[in-house]
Amino acid sequence: ETEEEIGLTGQLVEVVDHLNDYVVGTGFLVSPVIGFIEPPFLLNP
């Protein structure tokens, strides 16, 4: 979804951890994934 939304490819993201799932009032159970990005990088929103 990150690549689709802002053009940042997964190869540029170092996944390091997860946060607690978060329930959104619109009916979604969201899993937050923490990732580090090393600049420079290009975005294409």
PDB file of all heavy atoms in Angstrom:
ATOM      1  N   GLU A   1       0.823  -1.203   0.000  1.00  0.00           N
ATOM      2  CA  GLU A   1       0.000   0.000   0.000  1.00  0.00           C
ATOM      3  C   GLU A   1       0.866   1.267   0.000  1.00  0.00           C
ATOM      4  O   GLU A   1       0.504   2.266  -0.622  1.00  0.00           O
ATOM      5  CB  GLU A   1      -0.918  -0.008   1.231  1.00  0.00           C
ATOM      6  CG  GLU A   1      -2.096  -0.962   1.117  1.00  0.00           C
ATOM      7  CD  GLU A   1      -3.214  -0.384   0.265  1.00  0.00           C
ATOM      8  OE1 GLU A   1      -3.224   0.839   0.036  1.00  0.00           O
ATOM      9  OE2 GLU A   1      -4.069  -1.163  -0.188  1.00  0.00           O
ATOM     10  N   THR A   2       1.998   1.225   0.689  1.00  0.00           N
ATOM     11  CA  THR A   2       2.899   2.374   0.700  1.00  0.00           C
ATOM     12  C   THR A   2       3.416   2.662  -0.700  1.00  0.00           C
ATOM     13  O   THR A   2       3.463   3.824  -1.140  1.00  0.00           O
ATOM     14  CB  THR A   2       4.074   2.126   1.665  1.00  0.00           C
ATOM     15  OG1 THR A   2       3.564   2.025   3.002  1.00  0.00           O
ATOM     16  CG2 THR A   2       5.090   3.254   1.603  1.00  0.00           C
ATOM     17  N   GLU A   3       3.788   1.622  -1.408  1.00  0.00           N
ATOM     18  CA  GLU A   3       4.272   1.821  -2.782  1.00  0.00           C
ATOM     19  C   GLU A   3       3.156   2.349  -3.681  1.00  0.00           C
ATOM     20  O   GLU A   3       3.384   3.240  -4.512  1.00  0.00           O
ATOM     21  CB  GLU A   3       4.831   0.524  -3.353  1.00  0.00           C
ATOM     22  CG  GLU A   3       5.417   0.693  -4.741  1.00  0.00           C
ATOM     23  CD  GLU A   3       6.232  -0.493  -5.198  1.00  0.00           C
ATOM     24  OE1 GLU A   3       6.334  -1.496  -4.449  1.00  0.00           O
ATOM     25  OE2 GLU A   3       6.770  -0.433  -6.321  1.00  0.00           O
ATOM     26  N   GLU A   4       1.944   1.839  -3.494  1.00  0.00           N
ATOM     27  CA  GLU A   4       0.822   2.297  -4.313  1.00  0.00           C
ATOM     28  C   GLU A   4       0.469   3.755  -4.012  1.00  0.00           C
ATOM     29  O   GLU A   4       0.128   4.514  -4.914  1.00  0.00           O
ATOM     30  CB  GLU A   4      -0.398   1.407  -4.082  1.00  0.00           C
ATOM     31  CG  GLU A   4      -0.245  -0.010  -4.632  1.00  0.00           C
ATOM     32  CD  GLU A   4      -1.442  -0.883  -4.302  1.00  0.00           C
ATOM     33  OE1 GLU A   4      -2.421  -0.359  -3.720  1.00  0.00           O
ATOM     34  OE2 GLU A   4      -1.403  -2.085  -4.602  1.00  0.00           O
ATOM     35  N   GLU A   5       0.551   4.148  -2.749  1.00  0.00           N
ATOM     36  CA  GLU A   5       0.119   5.493  -2.353  1.00  0.00           C
ATOM     37  C   GLU A   5       1.168   6.565  -2.616  1.00  0.00           C
ATOM     38  O   GLU A   5       0.843   7.653  -3.104  1.00  0.00           O
ATOM     39  CB  GLU A   5      -0.252   5.511  -0.863  1.00  0.00           C
ATOM     40  CG  GLU A   5      -1.569   4.840  -0.542  1.00  0.00           C
ATOM     41  CD  GLU A   5      -1.942   4.997   0.921  1.00  0.00           C
ATOM     42  OE1 GLU A   5      -1.347   5.871   1.603  1.00  0.00           O
ATOM     43  OE2 GLU A   5      -2.810   4.247   1.389  1.00  0.00           O
ATOM     44  N   ILE A   6       2.432   6.273  -2.279  1.00  0.00           N
ATOM     45  CA  ILE A   6       3.438   7.337  -2.365  1.00  0.00           C
ATOM     46  C   ILE A   6       4.640   6.963  -3.222  1.00  0.00           C
ATOM     47  O   ILE A   6       5.582   7.752  -3.342  1.00  0.00           O
ATOM     48  CB  ILE A   6       3.904   7.788  -0.963  1.00  0.00           C
ATOM     49  CG1 ILE A   6       4.579   6.640  -0.212  1.00  0.00           C
ATOM     50  CG2 ILE A   6       2.730   8.344  -0.168  1.00  0.00           C
ATOM     51  CD1 ILE A   6       5.186   7.081   1.122  1.00  0.00           C
ATOM     52  N   GLY A   7       4.639   5.754  -3.806  1.00  0.00           N
ATOM     53  CA  GLY A   7       5.711   5.377  -4.714  1.00  0.00           C
ATOM     54  C   GLY A   7       7.003   4.957  -4.042  1.00  0.00           C
ATOM     55  O   GLY A   7       8.047   4.879  -4.701  1.00  0.00           O
ATOM     56  N   LEU A   8       6.976   4.690  -2.734  1.00  0.00           N
ATOM     57  CA  LEU A   8       8.168   4.238  -2.018  1.00  0.00           C
ATOM     58  C   LEU A   8       8.203   2.716  -2.044  1.00  0.00           C
ATOM     59  O   LEU A   8       7.315   2.060  -1.501  1.00  0.00           O
ATOM     60  CB  LEU A   8       8.143   4.737  -0.567  1.00  0.00           C
ATOM     61  CG  LEU A   8       9.366   4.388   0.277  1.00  0.00           C
ATOM     62  CD1 LEU A   8      10.570   5.228  -0.162  1.00  0.00           C
ATOM     63  CD2 LEU A   8       9.074   4.613   1.756  1.00  0.00           C
ATOM     64  N   THR A   9       9.214   2.135  -2.664  1.00  0.00           N
ATOM     65  CA  THR A   9       9.272   0.690  -2.816  1.00  0.00           C
ATOM     66  C   THR A   9       9.694   0.009  -1.520  1.00  0.00           C
ATOM     67  O   THR A   9      10.413   0.583  -0.700  1.00  0.00           O
ATOM     68  CB  THR A   9      10.253   0.290  -3.929  1.00  0.00           C
ATOM     69  OG1 THR A   9      11.576   0.713  -3.562  1.00  0.00           O
ATOM     70  CG2 THR A   9       9.868   0.946  -5.251  1.00  0.00           C
ATOM     71  N   GLY A  10       9.246  -1.224  -1.361  1.00  0.00           N
ATOM     72  CA  GLY A  10       9.551  -1.976  -0.158  1.00  0.00           C
ATOM     73  C   GLY A  10      11.023  -2.234   0.054  1.00  0.00           C
ATOM     74  O   GLY A  10      11.478  -2.409   1.193  1.00  0.00           O
ATOM     75  N   GLN A  11      11.817  -2.245  -1.053  1.00  0.00           N
ATOM     76  CA  GLN A  11      13.250  -2.474  -0.923  1.00  0.00           C
ATOM     77  C   GLN A  11      13.944  -1.362  -0.142  1.00  0.00           C
ATOM     78  O   GLN A  11      15.049  -1.552   0.375  1.00  0.00           O
ATOM     79  CB  GLN A  11      13.900  -2.598  -2.301  1.00  0.00           C
ATOM     80  CG  GLN A  11      13.505  -3.860  -3.067  1.00  0.00           C
ATOM     81  CD  GLN A  11      12.254  -3.667  -3.896  1.00  0.00           C
ATOM     82  OE1 GLN A  11      11.459  -2.764  -3.613  1.00  0.00           O
ATOM     83  NE2 GLN A  11      12.071  -4.494  -4.910  1.00  0.00           N
ATOM     84  N   LEU A  12      13.303  -0.201  -0.044  1.00  0.00           N
ATOM     85  CA  LEU A  12      13.897   0.931   0.663  1.00  0.00           C
ATOM     86  C   LEU A  12      13.495   0.985   2.135  1.00  0.00           C
ATOM     87  O   LEU A  12      13.916   1.887   2.858  1.00  0.00           O
ATOM     88  CB  LEU A  12      13.493   2.245  -0.025  1.00  0.00           C
ATOM     89  CG  LEU A  12      13.968   2.416  -1.467  1.00  0.00           C
ATOM     90  CD1 LEU A  12      13.436   3.723  -2.043  1.00  0.00           C
ATOM     91  CD2 LEU A  12      15.484   2.378  -1.542  1.00  0.00           C
ATOM     92  N   VAL A  13      12.688   0.038   2.572  1.00  0.00           N
ATOM     93  CA  VAL A  13      12.164   0.045   3.938  1.00  0.00           C
ATOM     94  C   VAL A  13      12.746  -1.118   4.730  1.00  0.00           C
ATOM     95  O   VAL A  13      12.658  -2.272   4.303  1.00  0.00           O
ATOM     96  CB  VAL A  13      10.628  -0.038   3.952  1.00  0.00           C
ATOM     97  CG1 VAL A  13      10.101   0.001   5.388  1.00  0.00           C
ATOM     98  CG2 VAL A  13      10.015   1.079   3.125  1.00  0.00           C
ATOM     99  N   GLU A  14      13.330  -0.823   5.874  1.00  0.00           N
ATOM    100  CA  GLU A  14      13.826  -1.854   6.796  1.00  0.00           C
ATOM    101  C   GLU A  14      12.793  -2.029   7.908  1.00  0.00           C
ATOM    102  O   GLU A  14      12.688  -1.210   8.819  1.00  0.00           O
ATOM    103  CB  GLU A  14      15.172  -1.440   7.381  1.00  0.00           C
ATOM    104  CG  GLU A  14      15.723  -2.431   8.398  1.00  0.00           C
ATOM    105  CD  GLU A  14      16.930  -1.896   9.153  1.00  0.00           C
ATOM    106  OE1 GLU A  14      17.375  -0.763   8.865  1.00  0.00           O
ATOM    107  OE2 GLU A  14      17.405  -2.605  10.067  1.00  0.00           O
ATOM    108  N   VAL A  15      12.002  -3.090   7.825  1.00  0.00           N
ATOM    109  CA  VAL A  15      10.983  -3.357   8.848  1.00  0.00           C
ATOM    110  C   VAL A  15      11.688  -3.797  10.136  1.00  0.00           C
ATOM    111  O   VAL A  15      12.505  -4.722  10.128  1.00  0.00           O
ATOM    112  CB  VAL A  15       9.991  -4.428   8.374  1.00  0.00           C
ATOM    113  CG1 VAL A  15       9.039  -4.818   9.509  1.00  0.00           C
ATOM    114  CG2 VAL A  15       9.201  -3.927   7.172  1.00  0.00           C
ATOM    115  N   VAL A  16      11.353  -3.125  11.242  1.00  0.00           N
ATOM    116  CA  VAL A  16      12.057  -3.397  12.504  1.00  0.00           C
ATOM    117  C   VAL A  16      11.143  -3.863  13.633  1.00  0.00           C
ATOM    118  O   VAL A  16      11.613  -4.469  14.596  1.00  0.00           O
ATOM    119  CB  VAL A  16      12.860  -2.159  12.966  1.00  0.00           C
ATOM    120  CG1 VAL A  16      13.954  -1.833  11.956  1.00  0.00           C
ATOM    121  CG2 VAL A  16      11.958  -0.957  13.208  1.00  0.00           C
ATOM    122  N   ASP A  17       9.840  -3.590  13.554  1.00  0.00           N
ATOM    123  CA  ASP A  17       8.968  -3.970  14.675  1.00  0.00           C
ATOM    124  C   ASP A  17       7.513  -3.751  14.278  1.00  0.00           C
ATOM    125  O   ASP A  17       7.213  -3.273  13.171  1.00  0.00           O
ATOM    126  CB  ASP A  17       9.291  -3.145  15.914  1.00  0.00           C
ATOM    127  CG  ASP A  17       8.992  -3.887  17.214  1.00  0.00           C
ATOM    128  OD1 ASP A  17       8.276  -4.911  17.167  1.00  0.00           O
ATOM    129  OD2 ASP A  17       9.464  -3.443  18.278  1.00  0.00           O
ATOM    130  N   HIS A  18       6.627  -4.113  15.198  1.00  0.00           N
ATOM    131  CA  HIS A  18       5.193  -3.881  15.040  1.00  0.00           C
ATOM    132  C   HIS A  18       4.669  -3.174  16.278  1.00  0.00           C
ATOM    133  O   HIS A  18       5.231  -3.322  17.367  1.00  0.00           O
ATOM    134  CB  HIS A  18       4.421  -5.201  14.878  1.00  0.00           C
ATOM    135  CG  HIS A  18       4.920  -6.066  13.774  1.00  0.00           C
ATOM    136  ND1 HIS A  18       5.999  -6.908  13.913  1.00  0.00           N
ATOM    137  CD2 HIS A  18       4.482  -6.211  12.507  1.00  0.00           C
ATOM    138  CE1 HIS A  18       6.205  -7.538  12.781  1.00  0.00           C
ATOM    139  NE2 HIS A  18       5.310  -7.135  11.910  1.00  0.00           N
ATOM    140  N   LEU A  19       3.599  -2.431  16.114  1.00  0.00           N
ATOM    141  CA  LEU A  19       2.888  -1.851  17.251  1.00  0.00           C
ATOM    142  C   LEU A  19       1.606  -2.637  17.471  1.00  0.00           C
ATOM    143  O   LEU A  19       1.246  -3.521  16.681  1.00  0.00           O
ATOM    144  CB  LEU A  19       2.583  -0.373  16.982  1.00  0.00           C
ATOM    145  CG  LEU A  19       3.805   0.537  16.851  1.00  0.00           C
ATOM    146  CD1 LEU A  19       3.395   1.913  16.349  1.00  0.00           C
ATOM    147  CD2 LEU A  19       4.542   0.653  18.179  1.00  0.00           C
ATOM    148  N   ASN A  20       0.905  -2.316  18.536  1.00  0.00           N
ATOM    149  CA  ASN A  20      -0.352  -2.992  18.820  1.00  0.00           C
ATOM    150  C   ASN A  20      -1.380  -2.722  17.716  1.00  0.00           C
ATOM    151  O   ASN A  20      -1.437  -1.613  17.165  1.00  0.00           O
ATOM    152  CB  ASN A  20      -0.940  -2.509  20.151  1.00  0.00           C
ATOM    153  CG  ASN A  20      -0.145  -2.993  21.342  1.00  0.00           C
ATOM    154  OD1 ASN A  20       0.582  -3.977  21.268  1.00  0.00           O
ATOM    155  ND2 ASN A  20      -0.272  -2.287  22.452  1.00  0.00           N
ATOM    156  N   ASP A  21      -2.177  -3.727  17.415  1.00  0.00           N
ATOM    157  CA  ASP A  21      -3.284  -3.522  16.488  1.00  0.00           C
ATOM    158  C   ASP A  21      -4.185  -2.401  16.995  1.00  0.00           C
ATOM    159  O   ASP A  21      -4.366  -2.227  18.205  1.00  0.00           O
ATOM    160  CB  ASP A  21      -4.111  -4.799  16.348  1.00  0.00           C
ATOM    161  CG  ASP A  21      -3.397  -5.866  15.526  1.00  0.00           C
ATOM    162  OD1 ASP A  21      -2.367  -5.564  14.897  1.00  0.00           O
ATOM    163  OD2 ASP A  21      -3.882  -7.001  15.527  1.00  0.00           O
ATOM    164  N   TYR A  22      -4.756  -1.668  16.056  1.00  0.00           N
ATOM    165  CA  TYR A  22      -5.596  -0.526  16.409  1.00  0.00           C
ATOM    166  C   TYR A  22      -6.936  -0.664  15.702  1.00  0.00           C
ATOM    167  O   TYR A  22      -6.992  -0.831  14.483  1.00  0.00           O
ATOM    168  CB  TYR A  22      -4.911   0.782  15.986  1.00  0.00           C
ATOM    169  CG  TYR A  22      -5.589   2.029  16.506  1.00  0.00           C
ATOM    170  CD1 TYR A  22      -5.199   2.604  17.709  1.00  0.00           C
ATOM    171  CD2 TYR A  22      -6.628   2.624  15.800  1.00  0.00           C
ATOM    172  CE1 TYR A  22      -5.817   3.740  18.200  1.00  0.00           C
ATOM    173  CE2 TYR A  22      -7.251   3.753  16.284  1.00  0.00           C
ATOM    174  CZ  TYR A  22      -6.841   4.312  17.481  1.00  0.00           C
ATOM    175  OH  TYR A  22      -7.466   5.429  17.964  1.00  0.00           O
ATOM    176  N   VAL A  23      -8.026  -0.603  16.487  1.00  0.00           N
ATOM    177  CA  VAL A  23      -9.365  -0.714  15.925  1.00  0.00           C
ATOM    178  C   VAL A  23      -9.873   0.678  15.554  1.00  0.00           C
ATOM    179  O   VAL A  23      -9.911   1.579  16.387  1.00  0.00           O
ATOM    180  CB  VAL A  23     -10.339  -1.375  16.926  1.00  0.00           C
ATOM    181  CG1 VAL A  23     -11.752  -1.411  16.348  1.00  0.00           C
ATOM    182  CG2 VAL A  23      -9.867  -2.782  17.275  1.00  0.00           C
ATOM    183  N   VAL A  24     -10.239   0.839  14.296  1.00  0.00           N
ATOM    184  CA  VAL A  24     -10.746   2.110  13.790  1.00  0.00           C
ATOM    185  C   VAL A  24     -12.267   2.059  13.761  1.00  0.00           C
ATOM    186  O   VAL A  24     -12.869   1.025  13.461  1.00  0.00           O
ATOM    187  CB  VAL A  24     -10.184   2.393  12.369  1.00  0.00           C
ATOM    188  CG1 VAL A  24     -10.663   3.736  11.854  1.00  0.00           C
ATOM    189  CG2 VAL A  24      -8.668   2.354  12.400  1.00  0.00           C
ATOM    190  N   GLY A  25     -12.890   3.188  14.066  1.00  0.00           N
ATOM    191  CA  GLY A  25     -14.349   3.247  14.146  1.00  0.00           C
ATOM    192  C   GLY A  25     -15.051   2.886  12.855  1.00  0.00           C
ATOM    193  O   GLY A  25     -16.232   2.510  12.862  1.00  0.00           O
ATOM    194  N   THR A  26     -14.354   2.989  11.726  1.00  0.00           N
ATOM    195  CA  THR A  26     -14.958   2.636  10.437  1.00  0.00           C
ATOM    196  C   THR A  26     -14.929   1.136  10.170  1.00  0.00           C
ATOM    197  O   THR A  26     -15.325   0.696   9.092  1.00  0.00           O
ATOM    198  CB  THR A  26     -14.250   3.369   9.293  1.00  0.00           C
ATOM    199  OG1 THR A  26     -12.824   3.220   9.439  1.00  0.00           O
ATOM    200  CG2 THR A  26     -14.589   4.847   9.307  1.00  0.00           C
ATOM    201  N   GLY A  27     -14.446   0.341  11.150  1.00  0.00           N
ATOM    202  CA  GLY A  27     -14.550  -1.108  11.035  1.00  0.00           C
ATOM    203  C   GLY A  27     -13.279  -1.825  10.622  1.00  0.00           C
ATOM    204  O   GLY A  27     -13.329  -3.000  10.243  1.00  0.00           O
ATOM    205  N   PHE A  28     -12.134  -1.159  10.723  1.00  0.00           N
ATOM    206  CA  PHE A  28     -10.872  -1.779  10.332  1.00  0.00           C
ATOM    207  C   PHE A  28     -10.042  -2.153  11.561  1.00  0.00           C
ATOM    208  O   PHE A  28     -10.039  -1.445  12.568  1.00  0.00           O
ATOM    209  CB  PHE A  28     -10.056  -0.832   9.451  1.00  0.00           C
ATOM    210  CG  PHE A  28     -10.635  -0.622   8.082  1.00  0.00           C
ATOM    211  CD1 PHE A  28     -11.502   0.433   7.838  1.00  0.00           C
ATOM    212  CD2 PHE A  28     -10.329  -1.484   7.045  1.00  0.00           C
ATOM    213  CE1 PHE A  28     -12.049   0.634   6.591  1.00  0.00           C
ATOM    214  CE2 PHE A  28     -10.871  -1.294   5.785  1.00  0.00           C
ATOM    215  CZ  PHE A  28     -11.730  -0.235   5.550  1.00  0.00           C
ATOM    216  N   LEU A  29      -9.340  -3.268  11.448  1.00  0.00           N
ATOM    217  CA  LEU A  29      -8.348  -3.670  12.442  1.00  0.00           C
ATOM    218  C   LEU A  29      -6.983  -3.430  11.811  1.00  0.00           C
ATOM    219  O   LEU A  29      -6.556  -4.160  10.917  1.00  0.00           O
ATOM    220  CB  LEU A  29      -8.508  -5.144  12.811  1.00  0.00           C
ATOM    221  CG  LEU A  29      -7.538  -5.681  13.866  1.00  0.00           C
ATOM    222  CD1 LEU A  29      -7.818  -5.040  15.225  1.00  0.00           C
ATOM    223  CD2 LEU A  29      -7.625  -7.192  13.974  1.00  0.00           C
ATOM    224  N   VAL A  30      -6.307  -2.378  12.271  1.00  0.00           N
ATOM    225  CA  VAL A  30      -5.089  -1.901  11.613  1.00  0.00           C
ATOM    226  C   VAL A  30      -3.853  -2.431  12.338  1.00  0.00           C
ATOM    227  O   VAL A  30      -3.714  -2.268  13.551  1.00  0.00           O
ATOM    228  CB  VAL A  30      -5.052  -0.361  11.578  1.00  0.00           C
ATOM    229  CG1 VAL A  30      -3.762   0.126  10.914  1.00  0.00           C
ATOM    230  CG2 VAL A  30      -6.266   0.182  10.847  1.00  0.00           C
ATOM    231  N   SER A  31      -2.954  -3.045  11.576  1.00  0.00           N
ATOM    232  CA  SER A  31      -1.678  -3.512  12.110  1.00  0.00           C
ATOM    233  C   SER A  31      -0.582  -2.531  11.713  1.00  0.00           C
ATOM    234  O   SER A  31      -0.242  -2.436  10.529  1.00  0.00           O
ATOM    235  CB  SER A  31      -1.344  -4.905  11.557  1.00  0.00           C
ATOM    236  OG  SER A  31      -2.302  -5.850  11.939  1.00  0.00           O
ATOM    237  N   PRO A  32      -0.028  -1.773  12.650  1.00  0.00           N
ATOM    238  CA  PRO A  32       1.048  -0.829  12.322  1.00  0.00           C
ATOM    239  C   PRO A  32       2.403  -1.534  12.267  1.00  0.00           C
ATOM    240  O   PRO A  32       2.774  -2.287  13.175  1.00  0.00           O
ATOM    241  CB  PRO A  32       1.007   0.183  13.473  1.00  0.00           C
ATOM    242  CG  PRO A  32      -0.261  -0.132  14.246  1.00  0.00           C
ATOM    243  CD  PRO A  32      -0.510  -1.583  14.027  1.00  0.00           C
ATOM    244  N   VAL A  33       3.131  -1.287  11.205  1.00  0.00           N
ATOM    245  CA  VAL A  33       4.443  -1.884  10.973  1.00  0.00           C
ATOM    246  C   VAL A  33       5.485  -0.755  10.982  1.00  0.00           C
ATOM    247  O   VAL A  33       5.359   0.195  10.209  1.00  0.00           O
ATOM    248  CB  VAL A  33       4.473  -2.624   9.628  1.00  0.00           C
ATOM    249  CG1 VAL A  33       5.857  -3.190   9.340  1.00  0.00           C
ATOM    250  CG2 VAL A  33       3.416  -3.731   9.591  1.00  0.00           C
ATOM    251  N   ILE A  34       6.478  -0.840  11.847  1.00  0.00           N
ATOM    252  CA  ILE A  34       7.508   0.192  11.928  1.00  0.00           C
ATOM    253  C   ILE A  34       8.632  -0.136  10.952  1.00  0.00           C
ATOM    254  O   ILE A  34       9.146  -1.261  10.930  1.00  0.00           O
ATOM    255  CB  ILE A  34       8.098   0.299  13.343  1.00  0.00           C
ATOM    256  CG1 ILE A  34       6.990   0.546  14.375  1.00  0.00           C
ATOM    257  CG2 ILE A  34       9.133   1.418  13.418  1.00  0.00           C
ATOM    258  CD1 ILE A  34       7.488   0.515  15.807  1.00  0.00           C
ATOM    259  N   GLY A  35       9.022   0.855  10.142  1.00  0.00           N
ATOM    260  CA  GLY A  35      10.111   0.648   9.204  1.00  0.00           C
ATOM    261  C   GLY A  35      11.000   1.866   9.098  1.00  0.00           C
ATOM    262  O   GLY A  35      10.521   3.006   9.120  1.00  0.00           O
ATOM    263  N   PHE A  36      12.305   1.633   8.985  1.00  0.00           N
ATOM    264  CA  PHE A  36      13.259   2.723   8.790  1.00  0.00           C
ATOM    265  C   PHE A  36      13.534   2.924   7.306  1.00  0.00           C
ATOM    266  O   PHE A  36      13.605   1.957   6.534  1.00  0.00           O
ATOM    267  CB  PHE A  36      14.574   2.439   9.519  1.00  0.00           C
ATOM    268  CG  PHE A  36      14.618   2.981  10.917  1.00  0.00           C
ATOM    269  CD1 PHE A  36      14.321   2.161  11.995  1.00  0.00           C
ATOM    270  CD2 PHE A  36      14.943   4.308  11.146  1.00  0.00           C
ATOM    271  CE1 PHE A  36      14.363   2.655  13.289  1.00  0.00           C
ATOM    272  CE2 PHE A  36      14.983   4.822  12.432  1.00  0.00           C
ATOM    273  CZ  PHE A  36      14.693   3.999  13.506  1.00  0.00           C
ATOM    274  N   ILE A  37      13.693   4.187   6.922  1.00  0.00           N
ATOM    275  CA  ILE A  37      14.016   4.557   5.550  1.00  0.00           C
ATOM    276  C   ILE A  37      15.299   5.377   5.580  1.00  0.00           C
ATOM    277  O   ILE A  37      15.429   6.316   6.379  1.00  0.00           O
ATOM    278  CB  ILE A  37      12.889   5.390   4.907  1.00  0.00           C
ATOM    279  CG1 ILE A  37      11.544   4.682   5.042  1.00  0.00           C
ATOM    280  CG2 ILE A  37      13.201   5.688   3.443  1.00  0.00           C
ATOM    281  CD1 ILE A  37      10.366   5.567   4.701  1.00  0.00           C
ATOM    282  N   GLU A  38      16.228   5.026   4.716  1.00  0.00           N
ATOM    283  CA  GLU A  38      17.486   5.765   4.615  1.00  0.00           C
ATOM    284  C   GLU A  38      17.389   6.735   3.434  1.00  0.00           C
ATOM    285  O   GLU A  38      17.162   6.318   2.297  1.00  0.00           O
ATOM    286  CB  GLU A  38      18.663   4.804   4.408  1.00  0.00           C
ATOM    287  CG  GLU A  38      18.906   3.844   5.565  1.00  0.00           C
ATOM    288  CD  GLU A  38      19.411   4.536   6.816  1.00  0.00           C
ATOM    289  OE1 GLU A  38      20.005   5.626   6.691  1.00  0.00           O
ATOM    290  OE2 GLU A  38      19.211   3.972   7.914  1.00  0.00           O
ATOM    291  N   PRO A  39      17.564   8.037   3.688  1.00  0.00           N
ATOM    292  CA  PRO A  39      17.586   8.992   2.579  1.00  0.00           C
ATOM    293  C   PRO A  39      18.906   8.872   1.801  1.00  0.00           C
ATOM    294  O   PRO A  39      19.890   8.360   2.338  1.00  0.00           O
ATOM    295  CB  PRO A  39      17.463  10.348   3.281  1.00  0.00           C
ATOM    296  CG  PRO A  39      17.893  10.111   4.688  1.00  0.00           C
ATOM    297  CD  PRO A  39      17.673   8.665   5.002  1.00  0.00           C
ATOM    298  N   PRO A  40      18.904   9.320   0.545  1.00  0.00           N
ATOM    299  CA  PRO A  40      17.799   9.981  -0.172  1.00  0.00           C
ATOM    300  C   PRO A  40      16.852   8.960  -0.795  1.00  0.00           C
ATOM    301  O   PRO A  40      17.229   7.817  -1.027  1.00  0.00           O
ATOM    302  CB  PRO A  40      18.535  10.775  -1.253  1.00  0.00           C
ATOM    303  CG  PRO A  40      19.736   9.922  -1.559  1.00  0.00           C
ATOM    304  CD  PRO A  40      20.148   9.306  -0.256  1.00  0.00           C
ATOM    305  N   PHE A  41      15.634   9.379  -1.041  1.00  0.00           N
ATOM    306  CA  PHE A  41      14.648   8.533  -1.716  1.00  0.00           C
ATOM    307  C   PHE A  41      13.701   9.442  -2.477  1.00  0.00           C
ATOM    308  O   PHE A  41      13.531  10.610  -2.156  1.00  0.00           O
ATOM    309  CB  PHE A  41      13.877   7.665  -0.706  1.00  0.00           C
ATOM    310  CG  PHE A  41      13.283   8.444   0.428  1.00  0.00           C
ATOM    311  CD1 PHE A  41      12.016   9.015   0.316  1.00  0.00           C
ATOM    312  CD2 PHE A  41      13.972   8.602   1.620  1.00  0.00           C
ATOM    313  CE1 PHE A  41      11.458   9.737   1.359  1.00  0.00           C
ATOM    314  CE2 PHE A  41      13.424   9.320   2.676  1.00  0.00           C
ATOM    315  CZ  PHE A  41      12.164   9.885   2.547  1.00  0.00           C
ATOM    316  N   LEU A  42      13.085   8.884  -3.498  1.00  0.00           N
ATOM    317  CA  LEU A  42      12.135   9.631  -4.318  1.00  0.00           C
ATOM    318  C   LEU A  42      10.730   9.108  -4.075  1.00  0.00           C
ATOM    319  O   LEU A  42      10.522   7.904  -3.893  1.00  0.00           O
ATOM    320  CB  LEU A  42      12.491   9.500  -5.802  1.00  0.00           C
ATOM    321  CG  LEU A  42      13.822  10.126  -6.242  1.00  0.00           C
ATOM    322  CD1 LEU A  42      14.068   9.821  -7.718  1.00  0.00           C
ATOM    323  CD2 LEU A  42      13.811  11.628  -5.998  1.00  0.00           C
ATOM    324  N   LEU A  43       9.764  10.010  -4.078  1.00  0.00           N
ATOM    325  CA  LEU A  43       8.359   9.646  -3.886  1.00  0.00           C
ATOM    326  C   LEU A  43       7.563  10.025  -5.122  1.00  0.00           C
ATOM    327  O   LEU A  43       7.895  10.966  -5.839  1.00  0.00           O
ATOM    328  CB  LEU A  43       7.781  10.355  -2.657  1.00  0.00           C
ATOM    329  CG  LEU A  43       8.479  10.092  -1.325  1.00  0.00           C
ATOM    330  CD1 LEU A  43       7.817  10.900  -0.225  1.00  0.00           C
ATOM    331  CD2 LEU A  43       8.468   8.604  -0.978  1.00  0.00           C
ATOM    332  N   ASN A  44       6.496   9.276  -5.337  1.00  0.00           N
ATOM    333  CA  ASN A  44       5.580   9.558  -6.451  1.00  0.00           C
ATOM    334  C   ASN A  44       4.152   9.353  -5.954  1.00  0.00           C
ATOM    335  O   ASN A  44       3.532   8.324  -6.215  1.00  0.00           O
ATOM    336  CB  ASN A  44       5.883   8.638  -7.632  1.00  0.00           C
ATOM    337  CG  ASN A  44       5.012   8.951  -8.835  1.00  0.00           C
ATOM    338  OD1 ASN A  44       4.522  10.075  -9.005  1.00  0.00           O
ATOM    339  ND2 ASN A  44       4.793   7.940  -9.683  1.00  0.00           N
ATOM    340  N   PRO A  45       3.605  10.330  -5.210  1.00  0.00           N
ATOM    341  CA  PRO A  45       2.286  10.145  -4.580  1.00  0.00           C
ATOM    342  C   PRO A  45       1.166   9.972  -5.601  1.00  0.00           C
ATOM    343  O   PRO A  45       1.176  10.579  -6.673  1.00  0.00           O
ATOM    344  CB  PRO A  45       2.102  11.446  -3.783  1.00  0.00           C
ATOM    345  CG  PRO A  45       3.466  12.025  -3.646  1.00  0.00           C
ATOM    346  CD  PRO A  45       4.211  11.614  -4.872  1.00  0.00           C
TER     347      PRO A  45
END
